[in-house]
Amino acid sequence: MIEGIEQDTLEDPPLLFREYVGAPLELKRIMDSQFKLVKTWARLKAKGGWYSWRDQLLGGVMPTLQKNAEGLRKVTPLPRRQPTHMPRHKRRDFISALLFVFPRA
């Protein structure tokens, strides 16, 4: 099927292809620029559709997540973070232990 379409296109190329091939260099540059703009427009339009879908999806989920987070905050307040500074010799021992457990390939 694809080969048939390819053969038809080679035998009788679309008008745009014929105009491009027969165009002077300056016109080809203008056409190339326009093709790039159309390609960019199509890509951004597709991206916009994806973001719209994502926004719609999150629109239904976010209120539930916010409600659950608020409920958790009421039940258990967030603990204060303690500094996690580890002395150099303990870091070295910790890294050695990790490398022993998970050896490099």
Protein backbone atom coordinates (compact mmCIF):
# COMPACT_ATOMS: atom_id res chain seq x y z
CA MET A 1 0.00 0.00 0.00
CA ILE A 2 2.72 2.47 1.02
CA GLU A 3 4.77 1.50 -1.99
CA GLY A 4 1.78 2.26 -4.23
CA ILE A 5 1.36 5.73 -2.73
CA GLU A 6 5.09 6.32 -3.07
CA GLN A 7 5.03 5.25 -6.71
CA ASP A 8 2.00 7.48 -7.45
CA THR A 9 3.76 10.43 -5.82
CA LEU A 10 6.93 9.87 -7.83
CA GLU A 11 4.99 9.58 -11.09
CA ASP A 12 2.77 12.63 -10.48
CA PRO A 13 4.14 14.77 -7.63
CA PRO A 14 1.78 17.21 -5.91
CA LEU A 15 1.74 20.80 -7.19
CA LEU A 16 3.56 22.12 -4.12
CA PHE A 17 6.48 19.73 -4.72
CA ARG A 18 6.69 20.71 -8.38
CA GLU A 19 6.64 24.42 -7.51
CA TYR A 20 9.34 23.92 -4.88
CA VAL A 21 11.64 21.96 -7.19
CA GLY A 22 11.24 24.49 -10.01
CA ALA A 23 11.53 27.59 -7.80
CA PRO A 24 14.58 29.88 -7.78
CA LEU A 25 16.88 29.72 -4.77
CA GLU A 26 15.46 32.83 -3.07
CA LEU A 27 11.90 31.50 -3.32
CA LYS A 28 13.04 28.13 -1.95
CA ARG A 29 14.48 29.90 1.09
CA ILE A 30 11.17 31.69 1.66
CA MET A 31 9.24 28.43 1.26
CA ASP A 32 11.62 26.63 3.67
CA SER A 33 11.02 29.36 6.22
CA GLN A 34 7.26 29.02 5.80
CA PHE A 35 7.46 25.22 6.11
CA LYS A 36 9.39 25.61 9.38
CA LEU A 37 6.78 28.04 10.68
CA VAL A 38 3.96 25.64 9.84
CA LYS A 39 5.84 22.77 11.49
CA THR A 40 6.41 24.85 14.64
CA TRP A 41 2.77 25.95 14.68
CA ALA A 42 1.56 22.34 14.39
CA ARG A 43 3.89 21.19 17.18
CA LEU A 44 2.77 24.01 19.49
CA LYS A 45 -0.88 23.36 18.68
CA ALA A 46 -0.44 19.69 19.61
CA LYS A 47 1.36 20.71 22.78
CA GLY A 48 -1.50 23.07 23.62
CA GLY A 49 -3.97 20.22 23.21
CA TRP A 50 -1.91 18.06 25.55
CA TYR A 51 -1.71 20.80 28.18
CA SER A 52 -5.45 21.37 27.89
CA TRP A 53 -6.08 17.65 28.45
CA ARG A 54 -3.66 17.62 31.39
CA ASP A 55 -5.28 20.68 32.95
CA GLN A 56 -8.70 19.06 32.60
CA LEU A 57 -7.41 15.86 34.20
CA LEU A 58 -5.78 17.67 37.12
CA GLY A 59 -8.82 19.91 37.52
CA GLY A 60 -10.78 16.93 38.82
CA VAL A 61 -7.98 15.51 40.96
CA MET A 62 -6.55 18.65 42.62
CA PRO A 63 -9.55 19.56 44.84
CA THR A 64 -9.58 16.02 46.25
CA LEU A 65 -5.84 16.08 46.90
CA GLN A 66 -6.06 19.50 48.58
CA LYS A 67 -8.95 18.30 50.76
CA ASN A 68 -6.97 15.20 51.78
CA ALA A 69 -3.86 17.27 52.53
CA GLU A 70 -5.88 19.67 54.68
CA GLY A 71 -7.36 16.72 56.59
CA LEU A 72 -3.89 15.30 57.19
CA ARG A 73 -2.62 18.67 58.45
CA LYS A 74 -5.45 18.82 60.98
CA VAL A 75 -4.75 15.32 62.25
CA THR A 76 -0.94 15.48 62.35
CA PRO A 77 0.90 18.79 62.10
CA LEU A 78 4.07 18.78 60.04
CA PRO A 79 7.17 18.14 62.18
CA ARG A 80 9.90 20.71 62.24
CA ARG A 81 12.86 19.69 60.17
CA GLN A 82 16.01 19.01 62.09
CA PRO A 83 19.34 19.81 60.51
CA THR A 84 20.71 16.72 58.82
CA HIS A 85 24.39 17.57 59.04
CA MET A 86 26.48 14.43 59.27
CA PRO A 87 30.14 14.54 60.28
CA ARG A 88 32.61 13.74 57.50
CA HIS A 89 33.77 10.42 58.98
CA LYS A 90 30.17 9.21 59.35
CA ARG A 91 29.39 10.20 55.76
CA ARG A 92 32.41 8.22 54.59
CA ASP A 93 31.27 5.18 56.60
CA PHE A 94 27.72 5.56 55.27
CA ILE A 95 28.92 5.72 51.66
CA SER A 96 31.20 2.71 52.24
CA ALA A 97 28.25 0.76 53.63
CA LEU A 98 26.11 1.70 50.64
CA LEU A 99 28.82 0.63 48.22
CA PHE A 100 29.15 -2.68 50.09
CA VAL A 101 25.41 -3.31 49.87
CA PHE A 102 25.04 -1.95 46.31
CA PRO A 103 28.38 -2.65 44.58
CA ARG A 104 29.21 -0.83 41.38
CA ALA A 105 28.72 -2.79 38.19
